[in-house]
Every structure is written in structure tokens, then in C-alpha cells.
C-alpha atoms as a PDB file:
ATOM      1  CA  MET A   1      35.277  -8.844 -31.762  1.00  0.00           C
ATOM      2  CA  SER A   2      37.737 -11.116 -33.591  1.00  0.00           C
ATOM      3  CA  GLU A   3      37.614 -14.901 -33.261  1.00  0.00           C
ATOM      4  CA  ALA A   4      40.759 -14.728 -31.133  1.00  0.00           C
ATOM      5  CA  GLU A   5      38.862 -12.513 -28.668  1.00  0.00           C
ATOM      6  CA  ILE A   6      35.753 -14.707 -28.371  1.00  0.00           C
ATOM      7  CA  PRO A   7      35.528 -15.812 -24.730  1.00  0.00           C
ATOM      8  CA  LEU A   8      34.964 -19.486 -23.948  1.00  0.00           C
ATOM      9  CA  ILE A   9      32.570 -18.556 -21.125  1.00  0.00           C
ATOM     10  CA  VAL A  10      30.393 -15.456 -20.757  1.00  0.00           C
ATOM     11  CA  SER A  11      28.521 -14.263 -17.677  1.00  0.00           C
ATOM     12  CA  PRO A  12      24.786 -13.495 -17.521  1.00  0.00           C
ATOM     13  CA  ALA A  13      25.675  -9.806 -17.061  1.00  0.00           C
ATOM     14  CA  TRP A  14      27.799  -9.873 -20.223  1.00  0.00           C
ATOM     15  CA  LEU A  15      25.035 -11.551 -22.217  1.00  0.00           C
ATOM     16  CA  GLU A  16      22.342  -9.138 -21.089  1.00  0.00           C
ATOM     17  CA  ALA A  17      24.571  -6.169 -21.942  1.00  0.00           C
ATOM     18  CA  GLU A  18      25.570  -7.503 -25.378  1.00  0.00           C
ATOM     19  CA  SER A  19      22.129  -8.704 -26.547  1.00  0.00           C
ATOM     20  CA  GLY A  20      19.553  -6.603 -28.329  1.00  0.00           C
ATOM     21  CA  ALA A  21      18.779  -5.078 -31.709  1.00  0.00           C
ATOM     22  CA  GLY A  22      21.725  -5.035 -34.073  1.00  0.00           C
ATOM     23  CA  SER A  23      23.798  -7.399 -31.956  1.00  0.00           C
ATOM     24  CA  ALA A  24      25.673 -10.309 -33.553  1.00  0.00           C
ATOM     25  CA  VAL A  25      24.854 -12.390 -30.458  1.00  0.00           C
ATOM     26  CA  ARG A  26      22.562 -15.362 -31.063  1.00  0.00           C
ATOM     27  CA  VAL A  27      21.377 -17.308 -28.003  1.00  0.00           C
ATOM     28  CA  LEU A  28      20.575 -21.027 -28.158  1.00  0.00           C
ATOM     29  CA  ASP A  29      19.021 -23.261 -25.505  1.00  0.00           C
ATOM     30  CA  GLY A  30      20.825 -26.582 -25.909  1.00  0.00           C
ATOM     31  CA  SER A  31      19.020 -28.477 -23.150  1.00  0.00           C
ATOM     32  CA  TRP A  32      18.890 -32.272 -23.280  1.00  0.00           C
ATOM     33  CA  HIS A  33      18.076 -34.861 -20.608  1.00  0.00           C
ATOM     34  CA  LEU A  34      18.633 -38.583 -20.163  1.00  0.00           C
ATOM     35  CA  PRO A  35      15.611 -40.571 -21.420  1.00  0.00           C
ATOM     36  CA  PRO A  36      14.736 -42.094 -18.008  1.00  0.00           C
ATOM     37  CA  LEU A  37      14.094 -38.586 -16.642  1.00  0.00           C
ATOM     38  CA  ALA A  38      11.151 -38.223 -19.062  1.00  0.00           C
ATOM     39  CA  ARG A  39      11.740 -34.475 -19.379  1.00  0.00           C
ATOM     40  CA  ASP A  40      10.787 -32.611 -22.543  1.00  0.00           C
ATOM     41  CA  PRO A  41      13.374 -29.858 -23.109  1.00  0.00           C
ATOM     42  CA  ALA A  42      11.425 -28.359 -26.028  1.00  0.00           C
ATOM     43  CA  ALA A  43       8.318 -27.995 -23.874  1.00  0.00           C
ATOM     44  CA  GLU A  44      10.374 -26.541 -21.032  1.00  0.00           C
ATOM     45  CA  PHE A  45      11.844 -24.040 -23.489  1.00  0.00           C
ATOM     46  CA  LEU A  46       8.344 -22.835 -24.394  1.00  0.00           C
ATOM     47  CA  GLU A  47       7.587 -22.354 -20.688  1.00  0.00           C
ATOM     48  CA  ALA A  48      10.643 -20.200 -20.032  1.00  0.00           C
ATOM     49  CA  HIS A  49      13.738 -19.175 -21.964  1.00  0.00           C
ATOM     50  CA  ILE A  50      16.190 -16.307 -22.207  1.00  0.00           C
ATOM     51  CA  PRO A  51      14.683 -13.503 -24.324  1.00  0.00           C
ATOM     52  CA  GLY A  52      15.539 -13.917 -27.987  1.00  0.00           C
ATOM     53  CA  ALA A  53      16.767 -17.494 -27.596  1.00  0.00           C
ATOM     54  CA  ALA A  54      15.989 -20.352 -29.973  1.00  0.00           C
ATOM     55  CA  PHE A  55      15.845 -24.044 -29.075  1.00  0.00           C
ATOM     56  CA  PHE A  56      18.630 -26.258 -30.428  1.00  0.00           C
ATOM     57  CA  ASP A  57      17.235 -29.791 -30.576  1.00  0.00           C
ATOM     58  CA  ILE A  58      20.173 -32.134 -29.975  1.00  0.00           C
ATOM     59  CA  ASP A  59      18.035 -35.150 -30.852  1.00  0.00           C
ATOM     60  CA  GLY A  60      16.770 -33.443 -34.009  1.00  0.00           C
ATOM     61  CA  ILE A  61      19.923 -31.841 -35.427  1.00  0.00           C
ATOM     62  CA  CYS A  62      21.674 -35.151 -35.918  1.00  0.00           C
ATOM     63  CA  ASP A  63      22.372 -37.928 -38.424  1.00  0.00           C
ATOM     64  CA  PRO A  64      18.923 -39.264 -39.413  1.00  0.00           C
ATOM     65  CA  ASP A  65      20.429 -42.498 -40.738  1.00  0.00           C
ATOM     66  CA  SER A  66      22.305 -43.513 -37.585  1.00  0.00           C
ATOM     67  CA  SER A  67      20.880 -46.068 -35.178  1.00  0.00           C
ATOM     68  CA  LEU A  68      22.765 -44.284 -32.396  1.00  0.00           C
ATOM     69  CA  PRO A  69      21.271 -41.268 -30.608  1.00  0.00           C
ATOM     70  CA  HIS A  70      22.110 -37.680 -31.669  1.00  0.00           C
ATOM     71  CA  MET A  71      25.148 -38.469 -33.797  1.00  0.00           C
ATOM     72  CA  LEU A  72      26.749 -35.641 -35.761  1.00  0.00           C
ATOM     73  CA  PRO A  73      24.781 -34.619 -38.867  1.00  0.00           C
ATOM     74  CA  SER A  74      26.264 -33.758 -42.232  1.00  0.00           C
ATOM     75  CA  PRO A  75      27.612 -30.221 -42.655  1.00  0.00           C
ATOM     76  CA  GLU A  76      24.702 -29.479 -44.991  1.00  0.00           C
ATOM     77  CA  LEU A  77      22.072 -30.560 -42.456  1.00  0.00           C
ATOM     78  CA  PHE A  78      23.803 -28.686 -39.651  1.00  0.00           C
ATOM     79  CA  GLY A  79      24.008 -25.536 -41.763  1.00  0.00           C
ATOM     80  CA  ARG A  80      20.326 -25.646 -42.725  1.00  0.00           C
ATOM     81  CA  SER A  81      19.257 -26.356 -39.176  1.00  0.00           C
ATOM     82  CA  VAL A  82      21.159 -23.573 -37.468  1.00  0.00           C
ATOM     83  CA  SER A  83      20.274 -21.110 -40.231  1.00  0.00           C
ATOM     84  CA  ALA A  84      16.629 -21.770 -39.318  1.00  0.00           C
ATOM     85  CA  LEU A  85      17.529 -20.852 -35.733  1.00  0.00           C
ATOM     86  CA  GLY A  86      18.736 -17.433 -36.860  1.00  0.00           C
ATOM     87  CA  VAL A  87      22.451 -18.225 -36.835  1.00  0.00           C
ATOM     88  CA  GLY A  88      24.764 -16.812 -39.497  1.00  0.00           C
ATOM     89  CA  ASN A  89      28.473 -17.257 -40.079  1.00  0.00           C
ATOM     90  CA  ASP A  90      29.092 -13.902 -38.379  1.00  0.00           C
ATOM     91  CA  SER A  91      26.966 -14.739 -35.324  1.00  0.00           C
ATOM     92  CA  HIS A  92      28.458 -14.978 -31.861  1.00  0.00           C
ATOM     93  CA  VAL A  93      26.577 -18.004 -30.566  1.00  0.00           C
ATOM     94  CA  ILE A  94      25.905 -18.245 -26.823  1.00  0.00           C
ATOM     95  CA  VAL A  95      24.733 -21.658 -25.626  1.00  0.00           C
ATOM     96  CA  TYR A  96      23.063 -22.483 -22.321  1.00  0.00           C
ATOM     97  CA  ASP A  97      20.980 -25.266 -20.813  1.00  0.00           C
ATOM     98  CA  THR A  98      18.420 -25.593 -18.032  1.00  0.00           C
ATOM     99  CA  VAL A  99      20.700 -27.590 -15.706  1.00  0.00           C
ATOM    100  CA  GLY A 100      23.570 -25.119 -15.551  1.00  0.00           C
ATOM    101  CA  LEU A 101      26.250 -26.934 -17.512  1.00  0.00           C
ATOM    102  CA  TYR A 102      25.270 -30.310 -18.873  1.00  0.00           C
ATOM    103  CA  SER A 103      24.294 -30.549 -22.537  1.00  0.00           C
ATOM    104  CA  ALA A 104      25.238 -27.018 -23.641  1.00  0.00           C
ATOM    105  CA  ALA A 105      28.816 -28.163 -24.185  1.00  0.00           C
ATOM    106  CA  ARG A 106      27.595 -30.629 -26.829  1.00  0.00           C
ATOM    107  CA  VAL A 107      26.207 -27.735 -28.898  1.00  0.00           C
ATOM    108  CA  TRP A 108      29.424 -25.739 -28.352  1.00  0.00           C
ATOM    109  CA  TRP A 109      31.435 -28.732 -29.630  1.00  0.00           C
ATOM    110  CA  MET A 110      29.182 -29.248 -32.662  1.00  0.00           C
ATOM    111  CA  PHE A 111      29.698 -25.666 -33.799  1.00  0.00           C
ATOM    112  CA  ARG A 112      33.456 -26.094 -33.472  1.00  0.00           C
ATOM    113  CA  VAL A 113      33.354 -29.376 -35.404  1.00  0.00           C
ATOM    114  CA  PHE A 114      31.745 -27.518 -38.303  1.00  0.00           C
ATOM    115  CA  GLY A 115      34.251 -24.683 -38.250  1.00  0.00           C
ATOM    116  CA  HIS A 116      32.493 -22.004 -36.188  1.00  0.00           C
ATOM    117  CA  GLU A 117      34.744 -20.617 -33.466  1.00  0.00           C
ATOM    118  CA  ARG A 118      32.462 -17.731 -32.482  1.00  0.00           C
ATOM    119  CA  VAL A 119      30.683 -19.756 -29.808  1.00  0.00           C
ATOM    120  CA  SER A 120      30.604 -19.398 -26.017  1.00  0.00           C
ATOM    121  CA  ILE A 121      28.931 -21.033 -23.025  1.00  0.00           C
ATOM    122  CA  LEU A 122      26.725 -19.056 -20.632  1.00  0.00           C
ATOM    123  CA  ALA A 123      28.118 -19.517 -17.121  1.00  0.00           C
ATOM    124  CA  GLY A 124      25.515 -21.118 -14.886  1.00  0.00           C
ATOM    125  CA  GLY A 125      22.998 -21.522 -17.696  1.00  0.00           C
ATOM    126  CA  LEU A 126      19.346 -20.692 -17.157  1.00  0.00           C
ATOM    127  CA  PRO A 127      19.458 -21.387 -13.376  1.00  0.00           C
ATOM    128  CA  ARG A 128      22.053 -18.670 -12.760  1.00  0.00           C
ATOM    129  CA  TRP A 129      20.333 -16.297 -15.201  1.00  0.00           C
ATOM    130  CA  ARG A 130      17.083 -16.635 -13.253  1.00  0.00           C
ATOM    131  CA  ALA A 131      18.766 -16.586  -9.842  1.00  0.00           C
ATOM    132  CA  GLU A 132      20.180 -13.165 -10.731  1.00  0.00           C
ATOM    133  CA  GLY A 133      16.677 -11.892 -11.447  1.00  0.00           C
ATOM    134  CA  ARG A 134      17.114 -11.554 -15.196  1.00  0.00           C
ATOM    135  CA  PRO A 135      14.047 -11.746 -17.485  1.00  0.00           C
ATOM    136  CA  VAL A 136      12.689 -14.813 -19.255  1.00  0.00           C
ATOM    137  CA  GLU A 137      10.150 -15.240 -22.041  1.00  0.00           C
ATOM    138  CA  SER A 138       7.627 -17.952 -22.817  1.00  0.00           C
ATOM    139  CA  GLY A 139       6.067 -19.209 -26.021  1.00  0.00           C
ATOM    140  CA  GLU A 140       7.421 -19.799 -29.500  1.00  0.00           C
ATOM    141  CA  PRO A 141       9.955 -17.105 -30.440  1.00  0.00           C
ATOM    142  CA  ALA A 142       9.820 -15.221 -33.729  1.00  0.00           C
ATOM    143  CA  ILE A 143      13.095 -16.050 -35.480  1.00  0.00           C
ATOM    144  CA  ALA A 144      14.535 -14.304 -38.518  1.00  0.00           C
ATOM    145  CA  PRO A 145      16.454 -16.975 -40.446  1.00  0.00           C
ATOM    146  CA  GLY A 146      20.195 -16.644 -40.717  1.00  0.00           C
ATOM    147  CA  SER A 147      22.610 -17.842 -43.371  1.00  0.00           C
ATOM    148  CA  PHE A 148      25.103 -20.356 -42.038  1.00  0.00           C
ATOM    149  CA  THR A 149      27.391 -22.454 -44.225  1.00  0.00           C
ATOM    150  CA  ALA A 150      29.105 -25.205 -42.271  1.00  0.00           C
ATOM    151  CA  ARG A 151      32.645 -26.155 -43.127  1.00  0.00           C
ATOM    152  CA  ALA A 152      33.682 -29.754 -43.661  1.00  0.00           C
ATOM    153  CA  ARG A 153      33.800 -31.661 -40.400  1.00  0.00           C
ATOM    154  CA  ASP A 154      37.007 -31.156 -38.420  1.00  0.00           C
ATOM    155  CA  ASP A 155      37.974 -34.771 -37.846  1.00  0.00           C
ATOM    156  CA  ALA A 156      40.649 -33.746 -35.352  1.00  0.00           C
ATOM    157  CA  LEU A 157      37.762 -33.101 -32.953  1.00  0.00           C
ATOM    158  CA  VAL A 158      35.868 -36.367 -33.602  1.00  0.00           C
ATOM    159  CA  CYS A 159      36.748 -40.034 -33.097  1.00  0.00           C
ATOM    160  CA  SER A 160      35.095 -43.133 -34.501  1.00  0.00           C
ATOM    161  CA  PHE A 161      34.918 -46.621 -33.014  1.00  0.00           C
ATOM    162  CA  GLU A 162      37.736 -47.766 -35.287  1.00  0.00           C
ATOM    163  CA  GLN A 163      39.987 -44.900 -34.231  1.00  0.00           C
ATOM    164  CA  VAL A 164      39.353 -45.507 -30.535  1.00  0.00           C
ATOM    165  CA  ARG A 165      39.958 -49.220 -30.848  1.00  0.00           C
ATOM    166  CA  ALA A 166      43.211 -48.577 -32.731  1.00  0.00           C
ATOM    167  CA  THR A 167      44.561 -46.648 -29.739  1.00  0.00           C
ATOM    168  CA  LEU A 168      44.092 -49.513 -27.266  1.00  0.00           C
ATOM    169  CA  GLY A 169      47.411 -50.583 -25.819  1.00  0.00           C
ATOM    170  CA  THR A 170      49.406 -48.148 -27.961  1.00  0.00           C
ATOM    171  CA  GLY A 171      49.584 -45.182 -25.598  1.00  0.00           C
ATOM    172  CA  GLY A 172      48.778 -42.940 -28.563  1.00  0.00           C
ATOM    173  CA  ALA A 173      45.901 -41.201 -26.794  1.00  0.00           C
ATOM    174  CA  GLN A 174      44.368 -41.141 -23.339  1.00  0.00           C
ATOM    175  CA  ILE A 175      40.746 -42.290 -23.308  1.00  0.00           C
ATOM    176  CA  VAL A 176      38.856 -40.352 -20.635  1.00  0.00           C
ATOM    177  CA  ASP A 177      35.323 -41.356 -19.614  1.00  0.00           C
ATOM    178  CA  ALA A 178      32.948 -38.668 -18.303  1.00  0.00           C
ATOM    179  CA  ARG A 179      30.360 -41.049 -16.820  1.00  0.00           C
ATOM    180  CA  ALA A 180      29.727 -41.377 -13.096  1.00  0.00           C
ATOM    181  CA  ALA A 181      32.184 -43.636 -11.284  1.00  0.00           C
ATOM    182  CA  ALA A 182      29.603 -46.380 -10.656  1.00  0.00           C
ATOM    183  CA  ARG A 183      28.808 -46.582 -14.365  1.00  0.00           C
ATOM    184  CA  PHE A 184      32.500 -46.616 -15.255  1.00  0.00           C
ATOM    185  CA  THR A 185      33.300 -49.468 -12.869  1.00  0.00           C
ATOM    186  CA  GLY A 186      30.211 -51.443 -13.858  1.00  0.00           C
ATOM    187  CA  GLU A 187      28.433 -51.277 -10.503  1.00  0.00           C
ATOM    188  CA  ASP A 188      25.603 -49.263 -12.070  1.00  0.00           C
ATOM    189  CA  PRO A 189      23.980 -50.430 -15.339  1.00  0.00           C
ATOM    190  CA  GLY A 190      23.275 -46.838 -16.329  1.00  0.00           C
ATOM    191  CA  PRO A 191      20.245 -45.588 -18.266  1.00  0.00           C
ATOM    192  CA  ARG A 192      20.604 -48.171 -21.063  1.00  0.00           C
ATOM    193  CA  PRO A 193      20.459 -51.535 -19.260  1.00  0.00           C
ATOM    194  CA  ASP A 194      20.693 -53.471 -22.552  1.00  0.00           C
ATOM    195  CA  LEU A 195      24.350 -52.450 -22.790  1.00  0.00           C
ATOM    196  CA  PRO A 196      27.141 -54.241 -20.920  1.00  0.00           C
ATOM    197  CA  ARG A 197      28.519 -52.693 -17.753  1.00  0.00           C
ATOM    198  CA  GLY A 198      32.030 -51.307 -17.557  1.00  0.00           C
ATOM    199  CA  HIS A 199      34.337 -49.201 -19.668  1.00  0.00           C
ATOM    200  CA  ILE A 200      36.731 -49.144 -22.613  1.00  0.00           C
ATOM    201  CA  PRO A 201      39.943 -50.981 -21.619  1.00  0.00           C
ATOM    202  CA  GLY A 202      42.675 -48.679 -20.410  1.00  0.00           C
ATOM    203  CA  SER A 203      40.414 -45.664 -20.077  1.00  0.00           C
ATOM    204  CA  ARG A 204      40.439 -43.223 -17.172  1.00  0.00           C
ATOM    205  CA  ASN A 205      37.436 -41.846 -15.337  1.00  0.00           C
ATOM    206  CA  VAL A 206      36.862 -38.108 -14.872  1.00  0.00           C
ATOM    207  CA  PRO A 207      33.128 -37.770 -14.096  1.00  0.00           C
ATOM    208  CA  PHE A 208      31.933 -34.624 -15.841  1.00  0.00           C
ATOM    209  CA  ASP A 209      30.799 -33.005 -12.595  1.00  0.00           C
ATOM    210  CA  ALA A 210      34.380 -33.251 -11.293  1.00  0.00           C
ATOM    211  CA  VAL A 211      35.268 -30.287 -13.537  1.00  0.00           C
ATOM    212  CA  LEU A 212      32.308 -28.173 -12.422  1.00  0.00           C
ATOM    213  CA  ASP A 213      32.034 -25.642  -9.614  1.00  0.00           C
ATOM    214  CA  ASP A 214      30.544 -26.370  -6.203  1.00  0.00           C
ATOM    215  CA  ASP A 215      26.915 -26.064  -7.330  1.00  0.00           C
ATOM    216  CA  ASP A 216      27.512 -28.002 -10.583  1.00  0.00           C
ATOM    217  CA  SER A 217      26.279 -25.083 -12.684  1.00  0.00           C
ATOM    218  CA  ALA A 218      29.483 -23.895 -14.395  1.00  0.00           C
ATOM    219  CA  LEU A 219      33.094 -24.868 -14.993  1.00  0.00           C
ATOM    220  CA  GLY A 220      35.369 -24.878 -11.991  1.00  0.00           C
ATOM    221  CA  ASP A 221      38.482 -22.748 -11.988  1.00  0.00           C
ATOM    222  CA  ALA A 222      41.585 -23.790 -13.902  1.00  0.00           C
ATOM    223  CA  ALA A 223      43.344 -25.199 -10.838  1.00  0.00           C
ATOM    224  CA  ALA A 224      40.374 -27.406  -9.945  1.00  0.00           C
ATOM    225  CA  ILE A 225      40.065 -28.645 -13.530  1.00  0.00           C
ATOM    226  CA  ARG A 226      43.753 -29.504 -13.702  1.00  0.00           C
ATOM    227  CA  GLN A 227      43.492 -31.331 -10.379  1.00  0.00           C
ATOM    228  CA  ALA A 228      40.500 -33.400 -11.525  1.00  0.00           C
ATOM    229  CA  PHE A 229      42.465 -34.677 -14.519  1.00  0.00           C
ATOM    230  CA  ALA A 230      45.657 -35.165 -12.521  1.00  0.00           C
ATOM    231  CA  ASP A 231      43.784 -37.227  -9.927  1.00  0.00           C
ATOM    232  CA  ALA A 232      42.708 -39.580 -12.714  1.00  0.00           C
ATOM    233  CA  GLY A 233      46.222 -39.825 -14.143  1.00  0.00           C
ATOM    234  CA  VAL A 234      45.410 -37.786 -17.251  1.00  0.00           C
ATOM    235  CA  ASP A 235      47.967 -35.430 -18.786  1.00  0.00           C
ATOM    236  CA  PRO A 236      46.183 -32.597 -20.679  1.00  0.00           C
ATOM    237  CA  ALA A 237      49.340 -31.931 -22.682  1.00  0.00           C
ATOM    238  CA  ARG A 238      48.958 -35.329 -24.381  1.00  0.00           C
ATOM    239  CA  PRO A 239      46.178 -36.323 -26.835  1.00  0.00           C
ATOM    240  CA  VAL A 240      42.829 -37.064 -25.192  1.00  0.00           C
ATOM    241  CA  ILE A 241      39.753 -38.888 -26.498  1.00  0.00           C
ATOM    242  CA  ALA A 242      36.726 -37.986 -24.374  1.00  0.00           C
ATOM    243  CA  THR A 243      33.878 -40.463 -24.112  1.00  0.00           C
ATOM    244  CA  CYS A 244      30.709 -40.891 -22.034  1.00  0.00           C
ATOM    245  CA  GLY A 245      27.312 -42.558 -22.473  1.00  0.00           C
ATOM    246  CA  SER A 246      26.234 -41.121 -25.812  1.00  0.00           C
ATOM    247  CA  GLY A 247      28.508 -38.179 -26.593  1.00  0.00           C
ATOM    248  CA  ILE A 248      26.907 -35.506 -24.394  1.00  0.00           C
ATOM    249  CA  THR A 249      28.991 -35.109 -21.237  1.00  0.00           C
ATOM    250  CA  ALA A 250      32.186 -36.063 -23.069  1.00  0.00           C
ATOM    251  CA  CYS A 251      31.838 -32.577 -24.550  1.00  0.00           C
ATOM    252  CA  THR A 252      31.903 -31.091 -21.047  1.00  0.00           C
ATOM    253  CA  LEU A 253      35.343 -32.647 -20.600  1.00  0.00           C
ATOM    254  CA  ALA A 254      36.357 -31.226 -23.988  1.00  0.00           C
ATOM    255  CA  LEU A 255      35.165 -27.799 -22.833  1.00  0.00           C
ATOM    256  CA  ALA A 256      37.067 -28.095 -19.563  1.00  0.00           C
ATOM    257  CA  LEU A 257      40.229 -29.135 -21.369  1.00  0.00           C
ATOM    258  CA  ALA A 258      39.849 -26.185 -23.742  1.00  0.00           C
ATOM    259  CA  ALA A 259      39.570 -23.924 -20.701  1.00  0.00           C
ATOM    260  CA  ILE A 260      43.029 -25.006 -19.519  1.00  0.00           C
ATOM    261  CA  GLY A 261      44.613 -24.766 -22.946  1.00  0.00           C
ATOM    262  CA  ALA A 262      44.639 -28.416 -24.033  1.00  0.00           C
ATOM    263  CA  GLU A 263      44.856 -28.585 -27.824  1.00  0.00           C
ATOM    264  CA  GLN A 264      44.621 -32.277 -28.760  1.00  0.00           C
ATOM    265  CA  VAL A 265      41.133 -33.291 -27.659  1.00  0.00           C
ATOM    266  CA  ALA A 266      38.628 -35.350 -29.635  1.00  0.00           C
ATOM    267  CA  VAL A 267      35.206 -36.694 -28.661  1.00  0.00           C
ATOM    268  CA  TYR A 268      34.150 -40.284 -29.360  1.00  0.00           C
ATOM    269  CA  ASP A 269      30.771 -39.411 -30.829  1.00  0.00           C
ATOM    270  CA  GLY A 270      29.155 -42.819 -30.349  1.00  0.00           C
ATOM    271  CA  SER A 271      30.689 -43.291 -26.885  1.00  0.00           C
ATOM    272  CA  TRP A 272      29.496 -46.191 -24.717  1.00  0.00           C
ATOM    273  CA  THR A 273      26.215 -46.571 -26.628  1.00  0.00           C
ATOM    274  CA  ASP A 274      28.282 -47.451 -29.700  1.00  0.00           C
ATOM    275  CA  TRP A 275      31.098 -49.328 -27.976  1.00  0.00           C
ATOM    276  CA  GLY A 276      28.842 -51.414 -25.757  1.00  0.00           C
ATOM    277  CA  SER A 277      26.585 -52.456 -28.632  1.00  0.00           C
ATOM    278  CA  ARG A 278      29.424 -54.103 -30.589  1.00  0.00           C
ATOM    279  CA  ALA A 279      30.218 -57.772 -30.071  1.00  0.00           C
ATOM    280  CA  ASP A 280      33.837 -57.179 -31.079  1.00  0.00           C
ATOM    281  CA  ALA A 281      34.466 -54.368 -28.570  1.00  0.00           C
ATOM    282  CA  PRO A 282      36.414 -55.404 -25.462  1.00  0.00           C
ATOM    283  CA  VAL A 283      35.037 -54.308 -22.092  1.00  0.00           C
ATOM    284  CA  GLU A 284      36.672 -53.900 -18.685  1.00  0.00           C
ATOM    285  CA  SER A 285      35.024 -53.449 -15.294  1.00  0.00           C
ATOM    286  CA  GLY A 286      36.309 -52.207 -11.972  1.00  0.00           C
ATOM    287  CA  SER A 287      38.488 -49.187 -11.300  1.00  0.00           C
ATOM    288  CA  ALA A 288      40.832 -47.699 -13.881  1.00  0.00           C
END
């Protein structure tokens, strides 16, 4: 299968049929949860995971020198880390999470940032896999190391604080916030109460679950995704910078935009955790 033929989303039936000895498919559990939930995704992985999967630790495969959570690592660190998970440059990586579609998109985006296009999302994640009666395993998997060399970071897919701030008032890019409406407006302090309430001035709010299906386990159809962005006044044909709390659900918006063919989409890696911690960053509250 050529890179042009790699599907953005694969079904549980597709994955089960394509997995097995000799397959180029490599399955990764990219589960992550907000700190207040006190869930341990690595421990949950050991309790139950898709056969042959490895655990991708979003909080571990990151920049060790950043004070911000799970920021992008160097290409060298990313390459070493995913090689240890059995991924090679020829692997077709399938990412899922234990919610359905929450943090898996972050892993999908990271692979794309480092030049790997052979990456797909499992529709419905582990919940749909199990609901369809497909098998799971427990315990630490035996992983044969791969050989993955990451390319230089694709900066067209990543935005820094300075780049986001430079767009304010220029109309050069649409800043789209994936957080829940109450966090965007400032009514809710969110999971990091030490940060100010509100949003980046001029940004629009498309809560990440607005682009999901009715049970919040997979992407909605193209018409529903387009409507969610249109309702917020966002034009997918123009450049978009996706942001959220700490760079996780912003990637779900990037995934949704990719699904409808948008080509100019970057993620603000530091997101509100970075923006809100800076004394020189302006903040707005209320509706967009």
C-alpha cells in the first residue's frame, strides 16, 4: 500500500484482518487522560489492550527540558522511542485510545510532524473494538524493536507562542480552540486552576467533541465536521492554528480538518498551558 493509499481512519474489522505475522501494521495505544482524573493509562494498557499493541507514552515521549507537559521531543528522541515500540519507517502505524477518540490524534499528529505519513486512527478505539467482541490481551507485550529514523520536524504543522501572537489582529490564520465552551469563555477554570480563565484574543471555539459522532468515539461524517467549523465561523480553506489546553485535543481538530481535505493546519503545541502562563500574553473572556 502506497502512502497515497493509507487511509486516515481504519475500522476494527480492517485492523483485525490486516494484523498478524508478516504484516507491516504496528498498533499503538496512545491513551492519555487529564491529571484530575487520576487514571493511569500505562496500567490500564497492561490490564487490556489490542493484541500485539505497544503503549505510546505521551507524557514520556516528549521534550525532557520543557516545563510544559508533553511537548514535542527532538527527532532523535522520537525516533529512538518509537523504534523501541517496534515501529520502522515502513510500518503502517494504527493508533487508538481507551476513550474512543481523544488522545490518539496527538500520536497521529506527532508521526506526521516527524515525516511519517503511514499512520491511521482506529475508528472507535478500544471501546468499539471490545464492543464488537474482538480479542484483547493483558500483560507486558513482547516487542521486537524496529528501526525508525525521524525526519526533521515539519514546522508547517507546528506553531510556537511567538507565531501565534504574531497572527493576532492580522487575519493571517484562524485560531481555533478545542476546549469545552465553558473553559473557552472563562466560566470554568479548567483542570489547571493556576492559569487565567478565557481564550486567545480573536480565537474561535470548536469543542473537540463537536467533530465526533453521536457516541463521541470516532470522527463524525464530513458534513457534520464541516458544519461544526461553519457554526464557529471557521473556513477550512484558510490557514488554521488549532489550540486547546495542552496540545492534545487540538490534534483532534487537526485530524477532523484533514478528513475534510484542509491543507493548512498547524497545532499550537503549548496551547493554553503555555499562553496562560505568560505575563505578556493577552487574554479574552466571554464568547468568540
